[in-house]
Amino acid sequence: MLKSKLPPPAQKDSGFTLIEVLVALGIVAITLLAGVQSMSSMTRNAERQWDIFLAEQCATNALNTLKLSAQVPPVGEQSISCMQANISFTVRLSINTTPNSSFRRVDAQVFEQGVPQLKITTVIGRI
């Protein structure tokens, strides 16, 4: 048998090209950036909900204090400070008359460092 001397078959390099690696890294970077932005948005939303919850506690405390007093609250404005979870809130109560003299309309607006957080309106009467 006669063996012919053929050139060896060309060996194909295995692996990825630099362009393929850069494209893959770009896709991963965009995906991670989207995930970070999503988490940041969720964190801000959770902080906002926590602040509203604390503001609601302050407003509820102020309104319950008025409800538990034996008298109809006097018409006018009141400002009350409230600490919840080491955050200082200010509750502004605006007490107005209603057509029935036994009831008062009370607007409780809660501020954190001058920024409005929550407003609750209710009617308070004699017990």
Protein backbone atom coordinates (compact mmCIF):
# COMPACT_ATOMS: atom_id res chain seq x y z
CA MET A 1 0.00 0.00 0.00
CA LEU A 2 1.13 3.24 -0.97
CA LYS A 3 0.80 6.08 1.41
CA SER A 4 0.39 9.47 -0.08
CA LYS A 5 1.69 12.46 1.66
CA LEU A 6 -1.27 14.74 1.88
CA PRO A 7 -1.05 17.88 3.93
CA PRO A 8 -2.67 17.48 7.32
CA PRO A 9 -6.20 18.85 7.49
CA ALA A 10 -6.35 22.44 8.69
CA GLN A 11 -7.01 22.56 12.39
CA LYS A 12 -9.86 24.80 13.37
CA ASP A 13 -9.21 26.89 16.46
CA SER A 14 -11.85 26.27 19.07
CA GLY A 15 -13.06 29.04 21.39
CA PHE A 16 -14.75 32.42 21.17
CA THR A 17 -13.62 35.47 19.33
CA LEU A 18 -13.07 38.74 21.12
CA ILE A 19 -16.18 40.22 19.50
CA GLU A 20 -18.36 37.37 20.79
CA VAL A 21 -17.01 37.80 24.31
CA LEU A 22 -17.60 41.57 24.23
CA VAL A 23 -21.16 41.13 22.97
CA ALA A 24 -21.87 38.62 25.76
CA LEU A 25 -20.41 41.00 28.37
CA GLY A 26 -22.53 43.84 26.99
CA ILE A 27 -25.69 41.75 27.30
CA VAL A 28 -24.82 40.76 30.88
CA ALA A 29 -24.04 44.40 31.79
CA ILE A 30 -27.38 45.64 30.41
CA THR A 31 -29.24 42.91 32.28
CA LEU A 32 -27.47 43.72 35.56
CA LEU A 33 -28.14 47.45 35.11
CA ALA A 34 -31.84 46.78 34.60
CA GLY A 35 -31.88 44.63 37.75
CA VAL A 36 -30.14 47.32 39.82
CA GLN A 37 -32.58 49.98 38.63
CA SER A 38 -35.51 47.73 39.46
CA MET A 39 -34.19 47.06 42.97
CA SER A 40 -33.54 50.78 43.50
CA SER A 41 -37.12 51.58 42.51
CA MET A 42 -38.47 48.90 44.84
CA THR A 43 -36.34 50.21 47.71
CA ARG A 44 -37.58 53.79 47.21
CA ASN A 45 -41.17 52.53 47.11
CA ALA A 46 -40.71 50.55 50.34
CA GLU A 47 -39.19 53.60 52.08
CA ARG A 48 -42.09 55.77 50.91
CA GLN A 49 -44.64 53.23 52.16
CA TRP A 50 -42.86 53.10 55.54
CA ASP A 51 -42.96 56.90 55.83
CA ILE A 52 -46.68 56.94 54.99
CA PHE A 53 -47.33 54.22 57.57
CA LEU A 54 -45.53 56.23 60.27
CA ALA A 55 -47.35 59.42 59.24
CA GLU A 56 -50.65 57.57 59.46
CA GLN A 57 -49.79 56.49 63.00
CA CYS A 58 -49.16 60.13 63.97
CA ALA A 59 -52.41 61.32 62.40
CA THR A 60 -54.38 58.50 64.03
CA ASN A 61 -52.89 59.30 67.45
CA ALA A 62 -53.79 62.99 67.12
CA LEU A 63 -57.34 62.24 65.96
CA ASN A 64 -57.87 59.66 68.72
CA THR A 65 -56.75 62.21 71.30
CA LEU A 66 -59.44 64.60 70.03
CA LYS A 67 -62.06 61.84 69.94
CA LEU A 68 -61.32 60.75 73.51
CA SER A 69 -61.66 64.23 74.98
CA ALA A 70 -64.99 64.79 76.66
CA GLN A 71 -65.68 67.99 74.72
CA VAL A 72 -66.18 68.95 71.13
CA PRO A 73 -62.79 70.29 69.96
CA PRO A 74 -62.59 74.07 69.56
CA VAL A 75 -62.53 75.50 66.04
CA GLY A 76 -59.07 76.53 64.88
CA GLU A 77 -55.62 75.25 63.99
CA GLN A 78 -53.35 73.07 66.11
CA SER A 79 -49.86 71.79 65.49
CA ILE A 80 -48.56 68.67 67.22
CA SER A 81 -45.10 67.09 67.02
CA CYS A 82 -44.88 63.35 66.77
CA MET A 83 -41.90 60.98 66.86
CA GLN A 84 -42.24 57.63 65.16
CA ALA A 85 -39.23 55.33 64.61
CA ASN A 86 -36.81 58.21 65.31
CA ILE A 87 -38.42 60.33 62.59
CA SER A 88 -39.93 63.67 63.56
CA PHE A 89 -43.33 64.46 62.08
CA THR A 90 -45.57 67.48 62.50
CA VAL A 91 -49.34 67.00 62.54
CA ARG A 92 -51.41 70.06 61.65
CA LEU A 93 -55.01 69.81 62.74
CA SER A 94 -57.52 72.12 61.13
CA ILE A 95 -60.81 72.01 63.03
CA ASN A 96 -63.87 73.52 61.32
CA THR A 97 -67.57 73.77 62.06
CA THR A 98 -70.27 71.70 60.40
CA PRO A 99 -73.97 72.48 59.93
CA ASN A 100 -74.64 70.41 63.07
CA SER A 101 -73.06 72.14 66.08
CA SER A 102 -72.41 68.78 67.77
CA PHE A 103 -69.86 67.82 65.13
CA ARG A 104 -66.56 69.19 63.87
CA ARG A 105 -64.73 68.51 60.64
CA VAL A 106 -61.06 67.76 61.32
CA ASP A 107 -58.35 67.78 58.65
CA ALA A 108 -55.12 66.18 59.87
CA GLN A 109 -52.15 66.82 57.62
CA VAL A 110 -48.80 65.21 58.46
CA PHE A 111 -45.47 66.72 57.43
CA GLU A 112 -41.94 65.36 57.60
CA GLN A 113 -39.40 68.19 57.53
CA GLY A 114 -41.99 70.46 55.92
CA VAL A 115 -42.85 67.95 53.17
CA PRO A 116 -46.50 66.77 53.18
CA GLN A 117 -46.79 63.03 53.72
CA LEU A 118 -50.47 62.35 54.39
CA LYS A 119 -53.84 64.07 54.82
CA ILE A 120 -56.81 62.57 56.64
CA THR A 121 -60.22 64.19 56.99
CA THR A 122 -62.84 63.01 59.49
CA VAL A 123 -65.82 64.21 61.51
CA ILE A 124 -65.69 64.20 65.30
CA GLY A 125 -68.75 64.53 67.54
CA ARG A 126 -69.69 64.32 71.15
CA ILE A 127 -69.52 60.91 72.75
